[in-house]
N, C-alpha and C. Protein backbone atom coordinates (compact mmCIF):
# COMPACT_ATOMS: atom_id res chain seq x y z
N MET A 1 45.26 -39.46 -39.58
CA MET A 1 45.03 -39.32 -37.92
C MET A 1 43.53 -38.96 -38.08
N GLN A 2 42.82 -39.17 -36.53
CA GLN A 2 41.99 -38.77 -36.54
C GLN A 2 41.61 -37.76 -35.82
N SER A 3 41.04 -36.96 -35.38
CA SER A 3 41.07 -35.77 -34.43
C SER A 3 41.13 -36.23 -32.82
N VAL A 4 41.25 -35.54 -31.61
CA VAL A 4 41.57 -35.72 -30.83
C VAL A 4 40.16 -36.20 -30.05
N LYS A 5 39.25 -35.15 -30.39
CA LYS A 5 37.53 -35.66 -30.24
C LYS A 5 37.05 -37.18 -30.60
N GLU A 6 37.46 -37.35 -31.74
CA GLU A 6 37.29 -38.79 -32.01
C GLU A 6 37.72 -39.49 -31.91
N ILE A 7 39.04 -39.87 -31.65
CA ILE A 7 39.82 -40.50 -30.78
C ILE A 7 39.31 -40.83 -29.12
N HIS A 8 39.09 -39.66 -28.50
CA HIS A 8 38.23 -39.92 -27.32
C HIS A 8 37.28 -40.62 -27.56
N GLU A 9 36.12 -40.25 -28.63
CA GLU A 9 35.18 -40.81 -28.55
C GLU A 9 35.15 -42.56 -28.61
N ILE A 10 36.11 -42.97 -29.26
CA ILE A 10 36.29 -44.02 -29.47
C ILE A 10 36.55 -44.91 -28.14
N ILE A 11 37.65 -43.98 -27.35
CA ILE A 11 37.93 -44.81 -26.24
C ILE A 11 36.65 -45.35 -25.33
N ASN A 12 35.81 -43.95 -25.18
CA ASN A 12 34.82 -43.78 -24.56
C ASN A 12 33.49 -44.94 -24.61
N HIS A 13 33.52 -45.26 -25.90
CA HIS A 13 32.45 -46.29 -26.46
C HIS A 13 32.85 -47.63 -26.60
N SER A 14 34.09 -47.52 -25.92
CA SER A 14 35.09 -48.98 -26.28
C SER A 14 34.59 -49.57 -24.50
N ASN A 15 33.67 -50.72 -24.92
CA ASN A 15 33.56 -51.00 -23.22
C ASN A 15 33.26 -52.55 -23.14
N GLY A 16 33.95 -53.63 -23.94
CA GLY A 16 34.25 -54.72 -24.49
C GLY A 16 34.59 -54.96 -25.94
N THR A 17 34.76 -56.25 -26.29
CA THR A 17 35.19 -56.62 -27.52
C THR A 17 34.34 -57.90 -28.66
N THR A 18 34.34 -57.50 -29.77
CA THR A 18 34.00 -58.96 -30.45
C THR A 18 35.00 -59.57 -30.27
N ALA A 19 36.10 -59.01 -31.14
CA ALA A 19 37.25 -59.81 -31.36
C ALA A 19 38.09 -59.86 -31.05
N TYR A 20 39.28 -61.11 -30.67
CA TYR A 20 40.60 -60.49 -30.17
C TYR A 20 41.42 -60.62 -32.12
N HIS A 21 42.57 -59.53 -31.77
CA HIS A 21 43.09 -59.40 -33.10
C HIS A 21 44.74 -59.35 -32.81
N LYS A 22 45.32 -60.47 -33.88
CA LYS A 22 46.74 -60.66 -32.98
C LYS A 22 47.76 -60.03 -34.49
N ILE A 23 48.28 -58.93 -33.96
CA ILE A 23 49.13 -57.91 -34.62
C ILE A 23 50.67 -58.48 -35.00
N SER A 24 50.87 -59.90 -34.02
CA SER A 24 52.52 -60.01 -34.69
C SER A 24 52.35 -61.46 -34.87
N ARG A 25 53.71 -62.10 -35.40
CA ARG A 25 53.69 -63.46 -35.50
C ARG A 25 53.91 -64.43 -34.19
N SER A 26 54.86 -63.33 -33.75
CA SER A 26 55.58 -63.72 -32.31
C SER A 26 54.23 -63.96 -31.16
N ASP A 27 54.49 -64.93 -30.77
CA ASP A 27 53.85 -65.79 -29.75
C ASP A 27 53.76 -65.06 -28.39
N VAL A 28 55.18 -64.36 -28.25
CA VAL A 28 55.43 -62.92 -26.86
C VAL A 28 54.44 -61.89 -26.82
N PHE A 29 53.92 -61.59 -28.33
CA PHE A 29 53.28 -60.53 -28.66
C PHE A 29 52.11 -60.29 -27.75
N PRO A 30 51.18 -59.40 -27.46
CA PRO A 30 49.65 -59.54 -26.78
C PRO A 30 48.63 -59.72 -28.25
N VAL A 31 48.00 -60.22 -28.09
CA VAL A 31 46.46 -59.86 -28.95
C VAL A 31 45.98 -58.48 -28.52
N ILE A 32 45.12 -57.95 -29.42
CA ILE A 32 44.58 -56.73 -28.90
C ILE A 32 42.51 -57.10 -29.18
N THR A 33 42.76 -56.17 -28.45
CA THR A 33 40.84 -56.16 -28.71
C THR A 33 40.27 -55.24 -29.85
N ASP A 34 39.13 -54.96 -29.65
CA ASP A 34 38.52 -53.84 -31.07
C ASP A 34 38.93 -52.69 -30.52
N GLY A 35 38.50 -52.06 -28.96
CA GLY A 35 39.16 -50.72 -28.78
C GLY A 35 40.72 -50.34 -29.00
N VAL A 36 41.53 -51.35 -28.66
CA VAL A 36 42.98 -51.35 -28.74
C VAL A 36 42.93 -50.92 -30.31
N LEU A 37 42.70 -51.84 -31.41
CA LEU A 37 42.36 -51.97 -32.57
C LEU A 37 41.98 -50.45 -33.23
N ALA A 38 41.18 -50.21 -32.58
CA ALA A 38 40.45 -48.79 -33.57
C ALA A 38 41.34 -47.48 -33.10
N VAL A 39 41.71 -47.09 -31.54
CA VAL A 39 42.73 -46.35 -31.49
C VAL A 39 44.25 -46.44 -32.14
N ALA A 40 44.83 -47.39 -32.47
CA ALA A 40 45.68 -47.90 -33.35
C ALA A 40 45.19 -46.96 -34.19
N GLU A 41 44.57 -47.60 -35.21
CA GLU A 41 44.13 -47.15 -36.32
C GLU A 41 44.08 -45.68 -35.88
N ALA A 42 43.20 -45.33 -35.58
CA ALA A 42 42.65 -43.85 -35.27
C ALA A 42 43.59 -42.90 -35.04
N ALA A 43 44.84 -43.40 -34.28
CA ALA A 43 46.18 -42.40 -33.86
C ALA A 43 47.02 -42.53 -34.48
N GLU A 44 46.99 -43.74 -35.33
CA GLU A 44 48.25 -44.28 -35.93
C GLU A 44 49.28 -44.56 -35.02
N CYS A 45 49.14 -45.38 -33.84
CA CYS A 45 50.16 -45.55 -33.32
C CYS A 45 50.16 -46.78 -32.93
N TYR A 46 50.49 -47.56 -34.03
CA TYR A 46 50.90 -49.35 -33.93
C TYR A 46 52.31 -49.42 -33.52
N TRP A 47 53.20 -48.22 -33.59
CA TRP A 47 54.67 -48.10 -32.85
C TRP A 47 54.47 -48.30 -31.16
N LEU A 48 53.28 -48.05 -30.61
CA LEU A 48 53.19 -48.03 -29.29
C LEU A 48 52.82 -49.49 -29.10
N LEU A 49 51.68 -49.99 -29.67
CA LEU A 49 51.89 -51.53 -29.81
C LEU A 49 52.85 -52.20 -29.35
N ASP A 50 54.17 -51.81 -30.24
CA ASP A 50 55.31 -52.67 -30.71
C ASP A 50 56.20 -52.44 -29.41
N VAL A 51 56.00 -51.22 -28.84
CA VAL A 51 56.60 -50.87 -27.45
C VAL A 51 56.48 -52.02 -26.50
N ILE A 52 54.85 -52.22 -26.43
CA ILE A 52 54.13 -52.79 -25.16
C ILE A 52 55.05 -54.18 -25.48
N GLY A 53 54.60 -54.45 -26.85
CA GLY A 53 54.92 -56.20 -27.27
C GLY A 53 56.37 -56.38 -27.06
N SER A 54 57.43 -55.33 -27.17
CA SER A 54 58.75 -55.85 -27.27
C SER A 54 59.02 -56.06 -25.89
N TYR A 55 58.76 -55.50 -24.95
CA TYR A 55 59.17 -55.69 -23.55
C TYR A 55 58.47 -57.29 -22.89
N GLN A 56 57.47 -57.91 -23.60
CA GLN A 56 56.95 -58.91 -22.99
C GLN A 56 57.75 -60.40 -22.56
N THR A 57 59.08 -59.77 -23.13
CA THR A 57 60.54 -61.25 -22.49
C THR A 57 60.43 -60.45 -21.07
N ASN A 58 60.68 -59.62 -20.85
CA ASN A 58 60.96 -59.40 -19.76
C ASN A 58 60.66 -60.19 -18.50
N PRO A 59 61.87 -60.90 -17.96
CA PRO A 59 61.05 -61.78 -16.64
C PRO A 59 60.53 -61.02 -15.62
N LYS A 60 60.82 -59.49 -15.32
CA LYS A 60 60.27 -58.73 -14.53
C LYS A 60 58.82 -58.16 -14.47
N LEU A 61 58.05 -58.58 -15.78
CA LEU A 61 56.91 -58.24 -16.00
C LEU A 61 56.21 -59.20 -15.67
N ASP A 62 54.85 -58.78 -14.52
CA ASP A 62 53.79 -59.89 -14.32
C ASP A 62 53.08 -59.91 -15.66
N LYS A 63 53.12 -61.46 -15.84
CA LYS A 63 52.01 -62.04 -17.25
C LYS A 63 50.75 -61.62 -17.06
N ASN A 64 50.14 -61.85 -15.79
CA ASN A 64 48.65 -61.47 -15.89
C ASN A 64 48.42 -60.56 -15.51
N PHE A 65 48.77 -59.41 -15.04
CA PHE A 65 48.50 -58.24 -15.28
C PHE A 65 49.37 -57.05 -15.18
N GLN A 66 49.21 -56.42 -16.16
CA GLN A 66 50.08 -55.31 -16.66
C GLN A 66 49.30 -53.63 -16.99
N VAL A 67 50.09 -52.64 -16.54
CA VAL A 67 49.66 -51.34 -17.12
C VAL A 67 50.66 -50.59 -17.73
N TRP A 68 50.13 -50.03 -18.97
CA TRP A 68 50.96 -49.36 -19.80
C TRP A 68 50.24 -48.17 -19.86
N LYS A 69 51.42 -46.67 -19.86
CA LYS A 69 50.77 -45.39 -19.89
C LYS A 69 51.81 -44.93 -20.37
N LEU A 70 50.99 -44.41 -21.47
CA LEU A 70 52.03 -43.00 -22.77
C LEU A 70 51.90 -41.86 -22.16
N LYS A 71 52.50 -40.97 -21.81
CA LYS A 71 52.28 -39.38 -21.35
C LYS A 71 53.26 -38.58 -22.43
N VAL A 72 52.55 -37.97 -23.14
CA VAL A 72 53.28 -37.22 -23.80
C VAL A 72 53.50 -35.67 -23.33
N ASN A 73 54.42 -35.02 -24.14
CA ASN A 73 55.24 -33.75 -23.70
C ASN A 73 54.54 -33.08 -24.85
N LYS A 74 53.73 -32.10 -25.08
CA LYS A 74 53.18 -31.23 -25.96
C LYS A 74 54.32 -30.44 -26.42
N THR A 75 55.36 -30.21 -25.52
CA THR A 75 55.91 -29.05 -25.49
C THR A 75 57.38 -28.92 -26.68
N ASP A 76 57.84 -30.26 -26.90
CA ASP A 76 59.07 -30.83 -27.46
C ASP A 76 58.34 -32.04 -28.36
N SER A 77 57.09 -32.48 -28.41
CA SER A 77 56.63 -33.68 -28.79
C SER A 77 57.12 -34.88 -28.50
N SER A 78 57.53 -35.03 -27.40
CA SER A 78 58.27 -36.14 -26.77
C SER A 78 57.47 -36.80 -26.06
N ALA A 79 57.90 -38.16 -25.68
CA ALA A 79 57.08 -38.93 -24.58
C ALA A 79 57.50 -39.69 -23.88
N VAL A 80 56.85 -40.65 -23.08
CA VAL A 80 57.39 -41.77 -22.39
C VAL A 80 56.66 -42.60 -21.87
N VAL A 81 57.12 -44.16 -22.25
CA VAL A 81 56.18 -45.10 -21.64
C VAL A 81 56.64 -45.43 -20.69
N ARG A 82 55.52 -45.89 -19.83
CA ARG A 82 55.71 -46.85 -18.58
C ARG A 82 54.78 -48.09 -18.63
N GLY A 83 55.52 -49.18 -18.28
CA GLY A 83 54.83 -50.26 -17.83
C GLY A 83 55.05 -50.63 -16.34
N TYR A 84 54.01 -50.64 -16.09
CA TYR A 84 53.55 -51.24 -14.54
C TYR A 84 53.05 -52.77 -14.04
N ASN A 85 53.83 -53.56 -12.99
CA ASN A 85 52.91 -54.42 -12.62
C ASN A 85 51.95 -53.99 -11.48
N ASP A 86 50.72 -53.97 -11.86
CA ASP A 86 49.66 -52.79 -11.09
C ASP A 86 50.09 -51.66 -10.95
N ILE A 87 50.88 -51.64 -9.18
CA ILE A 87 51.00 -50.17 -9.20
C ILE A 87 52.29 -50.12 -9.09
N THR A 88 53.70 -50.93 -9.50
CA THR A 88 54.77 -50.98 -9.48
C THR A 88 55.64 -50.72 -10.82
N LEU A 89 56.38 -49.75 -11.04
CA LEU A 89 56.92 -49.24 -11.99
C LEU A 89 58.09 -50.47 -12.52
N ILE A 90 58.29 -50.68 -13.71
CA ILE A 90 59.11 -51.61 -14.12
C ILE A 90 59.62 -51.44 -15.39
N ILE A 91 59.12 -51.05 -16.30
CA ILE A 91 59.43 -50.30 -17.43
C ILE A 91 59.76 -48.88 -17.68
N THR A 92 60.66 -48.02 -18.46
CA THR A 92 60.60 -46.99 -18.55
C THR A 92 61.54 -46.66 -20.03
N GLN A 93 60.61 -46.27 -20.98
CA GLN A 93 61.01 -46.04 -22.49
C GLN A 93 60.69 -44.28 -22.37
N GLU A 94 62.16 -43.76 -22.87
CA GLU A 94 61.74 -42.37 -23.30
C GLU A 94 61.50 -42.28 -24.83
N ILE A 95 60.60 -41.87 -25.33
CA ILE A 95 60.57 -41.29 -26.95
C ILE A 95 60.47 -40.21 -27.68
N HIS A 96 61.60 -40.00 -28.15
CA HIS A 96 62.24 -38.69 -28.51
C HIS A 96 61.34 -37.76 -29.20
N TYR A 97 60.48 -38.52 -29.88
CA TYR A 97 59.59 -37.78 -30.96
C TYR A 97 58.34 -38.23 -31.28
N THR A 98 57.05 -37.73 -30.94
CA THR A 98 56.04 -38.47 -31.15
C THR A 98 54.62 -37.68 -31.75
N ASN A 99 54.13 -37.76 -32.91
CA ASN A 99 52.73 -37.18 -32.82
C ASN A 99 51.73 -37.54 -32.74
N PHE A 100 51.60 -38.59 -31.53
CA PHE A 100 50.26 -39.04 -30.94
C PHE A 100 49.75 -38.10 -30.46
N PRO A 101 48.06 -37.99 -30.50
CA PRO A 101 47.56 -36.47 -30.58
C PRO A 101 46.91 -36.52 -28.93
N LEU A 102 46.81 -37.30 -28.11
CA LEU A 102 46.05 -37.24 -26.65
C LEU A 102 47.34 -36.81 -26.26
N ASP A 103 47.13 -36.11 -24.80
CA ASP A 103 48.62 -36.16 -23.84
C ASP A 103 48.84 -37.24 -23.38
N GLU A 104 47.73 -38.33 -22.81
CA GLU A 104 48.25 -39.53 -22.48
C GLU A 104 47.36 -40.49 -22.92
N ILE A 105 47.59 -41.91 -22.58
CA ILE A 105 46.30 -42.78 -22.87
C ILE A 105 47.29 -44.16 -22.07
N SER A 106 46.01 -44.98 -21.47
CA SER A 106 46.73 -46.27 -20.57
C SER A 106 46.29 -47.40 -20.97
N PHE A 107 47.07 -48.50 -21.06
CA PHE A 107 46.47 -49.90 -21.42
C PHE A 107 46.22 -50.49 -20.56
N TYR A 108 45.91 -51.57 -20.29
CA TYR A 108 45.72 -53.35 -19.41
C TYR A 108 46.57 -54.52 -20.22
N LEU A 109 47.10 -55.10 -19.79
CA LEU A 109 47.57 -56.06 -20.27
C LEU A 109 47.39 -57.37 -19.44
N ILE A 110 46.24 -58.20 -19.54
CA ILE A 110 45.87 -58.93 -19.05
C ILE A 110 45.80 -60.36 -19.21
N GLY A 111 46.87 -61.38 -19.03
CA GLY A 111 46.40 -62.87 -19.26
C GLY A 111 47.06 -62.64 -20.87
N GLY A 112 47.51 -61.72 -21.59
CA GLY A 112 47.81 -61.78 -23.03
C GLY A 112 47.21 -60.92 -23.82
N VAL A 113 46.23 -60.42 -22.87
CA VAL A 113 45.30 -59.52 -24.11
C VAL A 113 45.60 -58.02 -23.81
N LEU A 114 45.92 -57.20 -24.63
CA LEU A 114 45.78 -55.96 -24.43
C LEU A 114 44.51 -55.36 -24.80
N LEU A 115 44.27 -54.47 -23.89
CA LEU A 115 42.80 -53.93 -23.84
C LEU A 115 42.60 -52.14 -23.21
N LEU A 116 42.11 -51.64 -23.43
CA LEU A 116 41.90 -50.31 -22.86
C LEU A 116 40.59 -50.37 -21.24
N PRO A 117 41.41 -49.57 -20.58
CA PRO A 117 40.59 -49.63 -19.46
C PRO A 117 39.37 -49.73 -19.36
N SER A 118 38.70 -49.48 -19.89
CA SER A 118 37.26 -49.21 -20.64
C SER A 118 36.62 -50.45 -20.62
N GLU A 119 37.80 -51.59 -21.47
CA GLU A 119 37.43 -52.60 -21.73
C GLU A 119 36.93 -53.61 -20.73
N TYR A 120 37.84 -53.00 -19.57
CA TYR A 120 38.11 -54.24 -18.70
C TYR A 120 36.97 -54.86 -18.10
């Protein structure tokens, strides 16, 4: 796992993508950008992509635009993942333990592509 500083550098330098990456054979799982792939590798958080992908069959989620946020509680290493249709909260999932190094991170899911906000 890379340092918090290195992961922030990856996020700050991700402002577009040259390729889309399929991380699951399932058609309901989104493809991801170079920036999301780099964060997943650096923070060892493919599990977070699985969480997001696992909710894509939920009929309440807007298939055109979603916001996903992970917020980590550093005191007990728990976290919560929240999925929104724009600003309307639709999904909340508690994570009992994570070693995710950042306090929080956000992703956008637009038309089946998961990207960092800086790549929008």
